Full PDB file with SEQRES, HELIX, SHEET, SSBOND, CRYST1, ORIGX, SCALE, CONECT and MASTER records, all heavy atoms in Angstrom:
SEQRES   1 A   31  ASP ARG PHE ASN ASN HIS LYS GLU ILE ILE SER GLY PHE          
SEQRES   2 A   31  GLN VAL LEU ILE ASN SER CYS ALA LYS SER ASP LEU HIS          
SEQRES   3 A   31  HIS LEU VAL LYS TYR                                          
HELIX    1 AA1 ASN A    4  ILE A   10  1                                   7    
HELIX    2 AA2 GLN A   14  ILE A   17  1                                   4    
HELIX    3 AA3 LEU A   25  LYS A   30  1                                   6    
CRYST1    1.000    1.000    1.000  90.00  90.00  90.00 P 1           1          
ORIGX1      1.000000  0.000000  0.000000        0.00000                         
ORIGX2      0.000000  1.000000  0.000000        0.00000                         
ORIGX3      0.000000  0.000000  1.000000        0.00000                         
SCALE1      1.000000  0.000000  0.000000        0.00000                         
SCALE2      0.000000  1.000000  0.000000        0.00000                         
SCALE3      0.000000  0.000000  1.000000        0.00000                         
ATOM      1  N   ASP A   1       0.819  -1.212   0.000  1.00  0.00           N  
ATOM      2  CA  ASP A   1       0.000   0.000   0.000  1.00  0.00           C  
ATOM      3  C   ASP A   1       0.854   1.264   0.000  1.00  0.00           C  
ATOM      4  O   ASP A   1       0.567   2.222  -0.730  1.00  0.00           O  
ATOM      5  CB  ASP A   1      -0.928   0.009   1.221  1.00  0.00           C  
ATOM      6  CG  ASP A   1      -1.991  -1.068   1.136  1.00  0.00           C  
ATOM      7  OD1 ASP A   1      -2.185  -1.612   0.031  1.00  0.00           O  
ATOM      8  OD2 ASP A   1      -2.618  -1.386   2.169  1.00  0.00           O  
ATOM      9  N   ARG A   2       1.897   1.290   0.813  1.00  0.00           N  
ATOM     10  CA  ARG A   2       2.668   2.522   0.988  1.00  0.00           C  
ATOM     11  C   ARG A   2       3.659   2.772  -0.146  1.00  0.00           C  
ATOM     12  O   ARG A   2       4.089   3.908  -0.341  1.00  0.00           O  
ATOM     13  CB  ARG A   2       3.391   2.488   2.335  1.00  0.00           C  
ATOM     14  CG  ARG A   2       2.419   2.498   3.508  1.00  0.00           C  
ATOM     15  CD  ARG A   2       3.110   2.706   4.835  1.00  0.00           C  
ATOM     16  NE  ARG A   2       2.118   2.754   5.901  1.00  0.00           N  
ATOM     17  CZ  ARG A   2       1.427   3.835   6.239  1.00  0.00           C  
ATOM     18  NH1 ARG A   2       1.631   4.963   5.586  1.00  0.00           N  
ATOM     19  NH2 ARG A   2       0.543   3.796   7.214  1.00  0.00           N  
ATOM     20  N   PHE A   3       4.058   1.721  -0.860  1.00  0.00           N  
ATOM     21  CA  PHE A   3       5.000   1.918  -1.966  1.00  0.00           C  
ATOM     22  C   PHE A   3       4.317   1.787  -3.326  1.00  0.00           C  
ATOM     23  O   PHE A   3       5.005   1.746  -4.356  1.00  0.00           O  
ATOM     24  CB  PHE A   3       6.155   0.916  -1.864  1.00  0.00           C  
ATOM     25  CG  PHE A   3       7.123   1.232  -0.763  1.00  0.00           C  
ATOM     26  CD1 PHE A   3       7.039   0.577   0.457  1.00  0.00           C  
ATOM     27  CD2 PHE A   3       8.097   2.197  -0.926  1.00  0.00           C  
ATOM     28  CE1 PHE A   3       7.918   0.865   1.486  1.00  0.00           C  
ATOM     29  CE2 PHE A   3       8.982   2.497   0.095  1.00  0.00           C  
ATOM     30  CZ  PHE A   3       8.895   1.826   1.306  1.00  0.00           C  
ATOM     31  N   ASN A   4       2.994   1.734  -3.329  1.00  0.00           N  
ATOM     32  CA  ASN A   4       2.271   1.629  -4.593  1.00  0.00           C  
ATOM     33  C   ASN A   4       2.456   2.887  -5.435  1.00  0.00           C  
ATOM     34  O   ASN A   4       2.617   2.826  -6.658  1.00  0.00           O  
ATOM     35  CB  ASN A   4       0.781   1.389  -4.312  1.00  0.00           C  
ATOM     36  CG  ASN A   4      -0.003   1.148  -5.585  1.00  0.00           C  
ATOM     37  OD1 ASN A   4       0.343   0.289  -6.388  1.00  0.00           O  
ATOM     38  ND2 ASN A   4      -1.070   1.902  -5.769  1.00  0.00           N  
ATOM     39  N   ASN A   5       2.447   4.058  -4.772  1.00  0.00           N  
ATOM     40  CA  ASN A   5       2.646   5.316  -5.496  1.00  0.00           C  
ATOM     41  C   ASN A   5       4.031   5.390  -6.114  1.00  0.00           C  
ATOM     42  O   ASN A   5       4.208   5.884  -7.227  1.00  0.00           O  
ATOM     43  CB  ASN A   5       2.431   6.494  -4.542  1.00  0.00           C  
ATOM     44  CG  ASN A   5       2.513   7.830  -5.257  1.00  0.00           C  
ATOM     45  OD1 ASN A   5       1.945   7.995  -6.325  1.00  0.00           O  
ATOM     46  ND2 ASN A   5       3.211   8.782  -4.667  1.00  0.00           N  
ATOM     47  N   HIS A   6       5.037   4.892  -5.397  1.00  0.00           N  
ATOM     48  CA  HIS A   6       6.402   4.874  -5.938  1.00  0.00           C  
ATOM     49  C   HIS A   6       6.476   4.010  -7.200  1.00  0.00           C  
ATOM     50  O   HIS A   6       7.142   4.361  -8.175  1.00  0.00           O  
ATOM     51  CB  HIS A   6       7.371   4.326  -4.894  1.00  0.00           C  
ATOM     52  CG  HIS A   6       7.559   5.229  -3.708  1.00  0.00           C  
ATOM     53  ND1 HIS A   6       6.543   5.526  -2.845  1.00  0.00           N  
ATOM     54  CD2 HIS A   6       8.654   5.894  -3.246  1.00  0.00           C  
ATOM     55  CE1 HIS A   6       6.990   6.327  -1.895  1.00  0.00           C  
ATOM     56  NE2 HIS A   6       8.266   6.568  -2.117  1.00  0.00           N  
ATOM     57  N   LYS A   7       5.783   2.873  -7.164  1.00  0.00           N  
ATOM     58  CA  LYS A   7       5.826   1.968  -8.315  1.00  0.00           C  
ATOM     59  C   LYS A   7       5.151   2.598  -9.527  1.00  0.00           C  
ATOM     60  O   LYS A   7       5.595   2.408 -10.666  1.00  0.00           O  
ATOM     61  CB  LYS A   7       5.137   0.651  -7.948  1.00  0.00           C  
ATOM     62  CG  LYS A   7       5.861  -0.139  -6.874  1.00  0.00           C  
ATOM     63  CD  LYS A   7       5.105  -1.403  -6.499  1.00  0.00           C  
ATOM     64  CE  LYS A   7       5.818  -2.148  -5.380  1.00  0.00           C  
ATOM     65  NZ  LYS A   7       5.072  -3.359  -4.963  1.00  0.00           N  
ATOM     66  N   GLU A   8       4.084   3.348  -9.296  1.00  0.00           N  
ATOM     67  CA  GLU A   8       3.407   4.018 -10.411  1.00  0.00           C  
ATOM     68  C   GLU A   8       4.290   5.099 -11.020  1.00  0.00           C  
ATOM     69  O   GLU A   8       4.282   5.302 -12.240  1.00  0.00           O  
ATOM     70  CB  GLU A   8       2.087   4.624  -9.918  1.00  0.00           C  
ATOM     71  CG  GLU A   8       1.033   3.592  -9.528  1.00  0.00           C  
ATOM     72  CD  GLU A   8      -0.234   4.232  -9.009  1.00  0.00           C  
ATOM     73  OE1 GLU A   8      -0.258   5.485  -8.895  1.00  0.00           O  
ATOM     74  OE2 GLU A   8      -1.193   3.504  -8.730  1.00  0.00           O  
ATOM     75  N   ILE A   9       5.053   5.785 -10.182  1.00  0.00           N  
ATOM     76  CA  ILE A   9       5.905   6.873 -10.681  1.00  0.00           C  
ATOM     77  C   ILE A   9       7.005   6.337 -11.594  1.00  0.00           C  
ATOM     78  O   ILE A   9       7.295   6.908 -12.647  1.00  0.00           O  
ATOM     79  CB  ILE A   9       6.504   7.652  -9.501  1.00  0.00           C  
ATOM     80  CG1 ILE A   9       5.399   8.453  -8.775  1.00  0.00           C  
ATOM     81  CG2 ILE A   9       7.614   8.599  -9.962  1.00  0.00           C  
ATOM     82  CD1 ILE A   9       5.858   9.109  -7.502  1.00  0.00           C  
ATOM     83  N   ILE A  10       7.608   5.225 -11.220  1.00  0.00           N  
ATOM     84  CA  ILE A  10       8.756   4.709 -11.982  1.00  0.00           C  
ATOM     85  C   ILE A  10       8.344   3.729 -13.064  1.00  0.00           C  
ATOM     86  O   ILE A  10       9.212   3.183 -13.760  1.00  0.00           O  
ATOM     87  CB  ILE A  10       9.770   4.022 -11.049  1.00  0.00           C  
ATOM     88  CG1 ILE A  10       9.152   2.740 -10.465  1.00  0.00           C  
ATOM     89  CG2 ILE A  10      10.249   4.940  -9.965  1.00  0.00           C  
ATOM     90  CD1 ILE A  10      10.160   1.765  -9.970  1.00  0.00           C  
ATOM     91  N   SER A  11       7.053   3.477 -13.217  1.00  0.00           N  
ATOM     92  CA  SER A  11       6.614   2.466 -14.185  1.00  0.00           C  
ATOM     93  C   SER A  11       7.129   2.767 -15.597  1.00  0.00           C  
ATOM     94  O   SER A  11       7.532   1.864 -16.334  1.00  0.00           O  
ATOM     95  CB  SER A  11       5.085   2.364 -14.180  1.00  0.00           C  
ATOM     96  OG  SER A  11       4.508   3.632 -14.475  1.00  0.00           O  
ATOM     97  N   GLY A  12       7.130   4.040 -16.012  1.00  0.00           N  
ATOM     98  CA  GLY A  12       7.614   4.378 -17.343  1.00  0.00           C  
ATOM     99  C   GLY A  12       9.123   4.465 -17.429  1.00  0.00           C  
ATOM    100  O   GLY A  12       9.715   4.227 -18.494  1.00  0.00           O  
ATOM    101  N   PHE A  13       9.784   4.795 -16.303  1.00  0.00           N  
ATOM    102  CA  PHE A  13      11.239   4.924 -16.304  1.00  0.00           C  
ATOM    103  C   PHE A  13      11.954   3.580 -16.371  1.00  0.00           C  
ATOM    104  O   PHE A  13      13.146   3.531 -16.683  1.00  0.00           O  
ATOM    105  CB  PHE A  13      11.699   5.675 -15.044  1.00  0.00           C  
ATOM    106  CG  PHE A  13      11.396   7.143 -15.064  1.00  0.00           C  
ATOM    107  CD1 PHE A  13      10.397   7.673 -14.260  1.00  0.00           C  
ATOM    108  CD2 PHE A  13      12.105   8.005 -15.877  1.00  0.00           C  
ATOM    109  CE1 PHE A  13      10.115   9.029 -14.261  1.00  0.00           C  
ATOM    110  CE2 PHE A  13      11.835   9.359 -15.896  1.00  0.00           C  
ATOM    111  CZ  PHE A  13      10.828   9.881 -15.090  1.00  0.00           C  
ATOM    112  N   GLN A  14      11.256   2.495 -16.038  1.00  0.00           N  
ATOM    113  CA  GLN A  14      11.903   1.181 -15.990  1.00  0.00           C  
ATOM    114  C   GLN A  14      12.522   0.805 -17.333  1.00  0.00           C  
ATOM    115  O   GLN A  14      13.563   0.149 -17.382  1.00  0.00           O  
ATOM    116  CB  GLN A  14      10.867   0.111 -15.590  1.00  0.00           C  
ATOM    117  CG  GLN A  14      10.410   0.176 -14.149  1.00  0.00           C  
ATOM    118  CD  GLN A  14      11.375  -0.526 -13.211  1.00  0.00           C  
ATOM    119  OE1 GLN A  14      12.507  -0.814 -13.583  1.00  0.00           O  
ATOM    120  NE2 GLN A  14      10.926  -0.790 -12.008  1.00  0.00           N  
ATOM    121  N   VAL A  15      11.886   1.233 -18.422  1.00  0.00           N  
ATOM    122  CA  VAL A  15      12.362   0.851 -19.746  1.00  0.00           C  
ATOM    123  C   VAL A  15      13.721   1.477 -20.052  1.00  0.00           C  
ATOM    124  O   VAL A  15      14.453   1.005 -20.932  1.00  0.00           O  
ATOM    125  CB  VAL A  15      11.314   1.256 -20.809  1.00  0.00           C  
ATOM    126  CG1 VAL A  15      11.281   2.763 -20.990  1.00  0.00           C  
ATOM    127  CG2 VAL A  15      11.591   0.566 -22.137  1.00  0.00           C  
ATOM    128  N   LEU A  16      14.097   2.541 -19.343  1.00  0.00           N  
ATOM    129  CA  LEU A  16      15.394   3.187 -19.586  1.00  0.00           C  
ATOM    130  C   LEU A  16      16.542   2.400 -18.960  1.00  0.00           C  
ATOM    131  O   LEU A  16      17.688   2.535 -19.385  1.00  0.00           O  
ATOM    132  CB  LEU A  16      15.381   4.610 -19.004  1.00  0.00           C  
ATOM    133  CG  LEU A  16      14.260   5.534 -19.488  1.00  0.00           C  
ATOM    134  CD1 LEU A  16      14.368   6.877 -18.784  1.00  0.00           C  
ATOM    135  CD2 LEU A  16      14.315   5.706 -20.998  1.00  0.00           C  
ATOM    136  N   ILE A  17      16.235   1.598 -17.933  1.00  0.00           N  
ATOM    137  CA  ILE A  17      17.274   0.825 -17.241  1.00  0.00           C  
ATOM    138  C   ILE A  17      17.272  -0.622 -17.687  1.00  0.00           C  
ATOM    139  O   ILE A  17      18.311  -1.222 -17.958  1.00  0.00           O  
ATOM    140  CB  ILE A  17      17.072   0.909 -15.709  1.00  0.00           C  
ATOM    141  CG1 ILE A  17      16.966   2.366 -15.259  1.00  0.00           C  
ATOM    142  CG2 ILE A  17      18.215   0.210 -14.983  1.00  0.00           C  
ATOM    143  CD1 ILE A  17      18.195   3.185 -15.490  1.00  0.00           C  
ATOM    144  N   ASN A  18      16.072  -1.190 -17.801  1.00  0.00           N  
ATOM    145  CA  ASN A  18      15.931  -2.601 -18.166  1.00  0.00           C  
ATOM    146  C   ASN A  18      15.199  -2.728 -19.485  1.00  0.00           C  
ATOM    147  O   ASN A  18      14.433  -1.852 -19.885  1.00  0.00           O  
ATOM    148  CB  ASN A  18      15.157  -3.360 -17.072  1.00  0.00           C  
ATOM    149  CG  ASN A  18      15.783  -3.142 -15.704  1.00  0.00           C  
ATOM    150  OD1 ASN A  18      16.992  -3.208 -15.548  1.00  0.00           O  
ATOM    151  ND2 ASN A  18      14.949  -2.887 -14.698  1.00  0.00           N  
ATOM    152  N   SER A  19      15.397  -3.843 -20.140  1.00  0.00           N  
ATOM    153  CA  SER A  19      14.715  -4.104 -21.413  1.00  0.00           C  
ATOM    154  C   SER A  19      13.338  -4.695 -21.141  1.00  0.00           C  
ATOM    155  O   SER A  19      13.049  -5.851 -21.448  1.00  0.00           O  
ATOM    156  CB  SER A  19      15.555  -5.067 -22.258  1.00  0.00           C  
ATOM    157  OG  SER A  19      16.816  -4.503 -22.537  1.00  0.00           O  
ATOM    158  N   CYS A  20      12.478  -3.882 -20.542  1.00  0.00           N  
ATOM    159  CA  CYS A  20      11.131  -4.349 -20.212  1.00  0.00           C  
ATOM    160  C   CYS A  20      10.133  -3.799 -21.230  1.00  0.00           C  
ATOM    161  O   CYS A  20      10.504  -3.114 -22.188  1.00  0.00           O  
ATOM    162  CB  CYS A  20      10.747  -3.916 -18.796  1.00  0.00           C  
ATOM    163  SG  CYS A  20      10.871  -2.151 -18.504  1.00  0.00           S  
ATOM    164  N   ALA A  21       8.865  -4.097 -21.003  1.00  0.00           N  
ATOM    165  CA  ALA A  21       7.821  -3.673 -21.943  1.00  0.00           C  
ATOM    166  C   ALA A  21       7.693  -2.155 -21.980  1.00  0.00           C  
ATOM    167  O   ALA A  21       7.968  -1.463 -21.006  1.00  0.00           O  
ATOM    168  CB  ALA A  21       6.494  -4.307 -21.538  1.00  0.00           C  
ATOM    169  N   LYS A  22       7.250  -1.649 -23.142  1.00  0.00           N  
ATOM    170  CA  LYS A  22       7.131  -0.205 -23.341  1.00  0.00           C  
ATOM    171  C   LYS A  22       5.696   0.291 -23.138  1.00  0.00           C  
ATOM    172  O   LYS A  22       5.324   1.353 -23.623  1.00  0.00           O  
ATOM    173  CB  LYS A  22       7.597   0.169 -24.748  1.00  0.00           C  
ATOM    174  CG  LYS A  22       9.001  -0.319 -25.080  1.00  0.00           C  
ATOM    175  CD  LYS A  22       9.316  -0.064 -26.533  1.00  0.00           C  
ATOM    176  CE  LYS A  22      10.658  -0.671 -26.901  1.00  0.00           C  
ATOM    177  NZ  LYS A  22      10.958  -0.522 -28.346  1.00  0.00           N  
ATOM    178  N   SER A  23       4.894  -0.482 -22.433  1.00  0.00           N  
ATOM    179  CA  SER A  23       3.473  -0.134 -22.306  1.00  0.00           C  
ATOM    180  C   SER A  23       3.257   1.188 -21.584  1.00  0.00           C  
ATOM    181  O   SER A  23       2.321   1.928 -21.883  1.00  0.00           O  
ATOM    182  CB  SER A  23       2.725  -1.255 -21.585  1.00  0.00           C  
ATOM    183  OG  SER A  23       3.331  -1.527 -20.326  1.00  0.00           O  
ATOM    184  N   ASP A  24       4.119   1.487 -20.582  1.00  0.00           N  
ATOM    185  CA  ASP A  24       3.950   2.721 -19.805  1.00  0.00           C  
ATOM    186  C   ASP A  24       4.770   3.884 -20.354  1.00  0.00           C  
ATOM    187  O   ASP A  24       4.743   4.975 -19.782  1.00  0.00           O  
ATOM    188  CB  ASP A  24       4.367   2.473 -18.347  1.00  0.00           C  
ATOM    189  CG  ASP A  24       3.475   1.438 -17.676  1.00  0.00           C  
ATOM    190  OD1 ASP A  24       2.255   1.514 -17.871  1.00  0.00           O  
ATOM    191  OD2 ASP A  24       4.011   0.565 -16.965  1.00  0.00           O  
ATOM    192  N   LEU A  25       5.489   3.666 -21.449  1.00  0.00           N  
ATOM    193  CA  LEU A  25       6.338   4.717 -21.989  1.00  0.00           C  
ATOM    194  C   LEU A  25       5.501   5.859 -22.567  1.00  0.00           C  
ATOM    195  O   LEU A  25       5.901   7.026 -22.469  1.00  0.00           O  
ATOM    196  CB  LEU A  25       7.257   4.137 -23.065  1.00  0.00           C  
ATOM    197  CG  LEU A  25       8.299   5.087 -23.660  1.00  0.00           C  
ATOM    198  CD1 LEU A  25       9.230   5.603 -22.570  1.00  0.00           C  
ATOM    199  CD2 LEU A  25       9.094   4.388 -24.759  1.00  0.00           C  
ATOM    200  N   HIS A  26       4.364   5.548 -23.113  1.00  0.00           N  
ATOM    201  CA  HIS A  26       3.514   6.583 -23.716  1.00  0.00           C  
ATOM    202  C   HIS A  26       3.055   7.581 -22.643  1.00  0.00           C  
ATOM    203  O   HIS A  26       3.069   8.803 -22.863  1.00  0.00           O  
ATOM    204  CB  HIS A  26       2.310   5.930 -24.405  1.00  0.00           C  
ATOM    205  CG  HIS A  26       1.482   6.893 -25.200  1.00  0.00           C  
ATOM    206  ND1 HIS A  26       0.463   7.662 -24.635  1.00  0.00           N  
ATOM    207  CD2 HIS A  26       1.534   7.241 -26.513  1.00  0.00           C  
ATOM    208  CE1 HIS A  26      -0.070   8.414 -25.550  1.00  0.00           C  
ATOM    209  NE2 HIS A  26       0.538   8.189 -26.717  1.00  0.00           N  
ATOM    210  N   HIS A  27       2.659   7.075 -21.483  1.00  0.00           N  
ATOM    211  CA  HIS A  27       2.230   7.953 -20.402  1.00  0.00           C  
ATOM    212  C   HIS A  27       3.388   8.828 -19.916  1.00  0.00           C  
ATOM    213  O   HIS A  27       3.204  10.013 -19.604  1.00  0.00           O  
ATOM    214  CB  HIS A  27       1.686   7.115 -19.246  1.00  0.00           C  
ATOM    215  CG  HIS A  27       1.318   7.926 -18.041  1.00  0.00           C  
ATOM    216  ND1 HIS A  27       0.210   8.749 -17.988  1.00  0.00           N  
ATOM    217  CD2 HIS A  27       1.951   8.064 -16.832  1.00  0.00           C  
ATOM    218  CE1 HIS A  27       0.153   9.351 -16.805  1.00  0.00           C  
ATOM    219  NE2 HIS A  27       1.192   8.956 -16.088  1.00  0.00           N  
ATOM    220  N   LEU A  28       4.594   8.259 -19.851  1.00  0.00           N  
ATOM    221  CA  LEU A  28       5.774   9.004 -19.406  1.00  0.00           C  
ATOM    222  C   LEU A  28       6.091  10.144 -20.369  1.00  0.00           C  
ATOM    223  O   LEU A  28       6.360  11.277 -19.950  1.00  0.00           O  
ATOM    224  CB  LEU A  28       6.970   8.059 -19.281  1.00  0.00           C  
ATOM    225  CG  LEU A  28       8.285   8.674 -18.804  1.00  0.00           C  
ATOM    226  CD1 LEU A  28       8.168   9.100 -17.345  1.00  0.00           C  
ATOM    227  CD2 LEU A  28       9.441   7.696 -18.976  1.00  0.00           C  
ATOM    228  N   VAL A  29       6.054   9.856 -21.670  1.00  0.00           N  
ATOM    229  CA  VAL A  29       6.353  10.876 -22.677  1.00  0.00           C  
ATOM    230  C   VAL A  29       5.297  11.974 -22.655  1.00  0.00           C  
ATOM    231  O   VAL A  29       5.614  13.165 -22.792  1.00  0.00           O  
ATOM    232  CB  VAL A  29       6.443  10.230 -24.073  1.00  0.00           C  
ATOM    233  CG1 VAL A  29       6.586  11.301 -25.152  1.00  0.00           C  
ATOM    234  CG2 VAL A  29       7.617   9.263 -24.132  1.00  0.00           C  
ATOM    235  N   LYS A  30       4.054  11.592 -22.462  1.00  0.00           N  
ATOM    236  CA  LYS A  30       2.977  12.588 -22.409  1.00  0.00           C  
ATOM    237  C   LYS A  30       3.127  13.501 -21.191  1.00  0.00           C  
ATOM    238  O   LYS A  30       2.877  14.702 -21.260  1.00  0.00           O  
ATOM    239  CB  LYS A  30       1.627  11.872 -22.372  1.00  0.00           C  
ATOM    240  CG  LYS A  30       0.443  12.823 -22.409  1.00  0.00           C  
ATOM    241  CD  LYS A  30      -0.879  12.053 -22.409  1.00  0.00           C  
ATOM    242  CE  LYS A  30      -2.058  13.013 -22.440  1.00  0.00           C  
ATOM    243  NZ  LYS A  30      -3.364  12.268 -22.423  1.00  0.00           N  
ATOM    244  N   TYR A  31       3.558  12.926 -20.059  1.00  0.00           N  
ATOM    245  CA  TYR A  31       3.704  13.712 -18.837  1.00  0.00           C  
ATOM    246  C   TYR A  31       4.849  14.718 -18.953  1.00  0.00           C  
ATOM    247  O   TYR A  31       4.744  15.864 -18.514  1.00  0.00           O  
ATOM    248  CB  TYR A  31       3.946  12.771 -17.655  1.00  0.00           C  
ATOM    249  CG  TYR A  31       3.868  13.450 -16.307  1.00  0.00           C  
ATOM    250  CD1 TYR A  31       2.638  13.716 -15.708  1.00  0.00           C  
ATOM    251  CD2 TYR A  31       5.021  13.831 -15.634  1.00  0.00           C  
ATOM    252  CE1 TYR A  31       2.562  14.339 -14.480  1.00  0.00           C  
ATOM    253  CE2 TYR A  31       4.953  14.455 -14.402  1.00  0.00           C  
ATOM    254  CZ  TYR A  31       3.718  14.700 -13.827  1.00  0.00           C  
ATOM    255  OH  TYR A  31       3.640  15.332 -12.617  1.00  0.00           O  
TER     256      TYR A  31                                                      
MASTER        0    0    0    3    0    0    0    6  255    1    0    3          
END                                                                             
């Protein structure tokens, strides 16, 4: 519960460090 907000914030940044899915990249670029 307490780290859920942290996970949402970095969801789009993960693709810059790891070769993960780009599903959240669109939201990051829009923000």
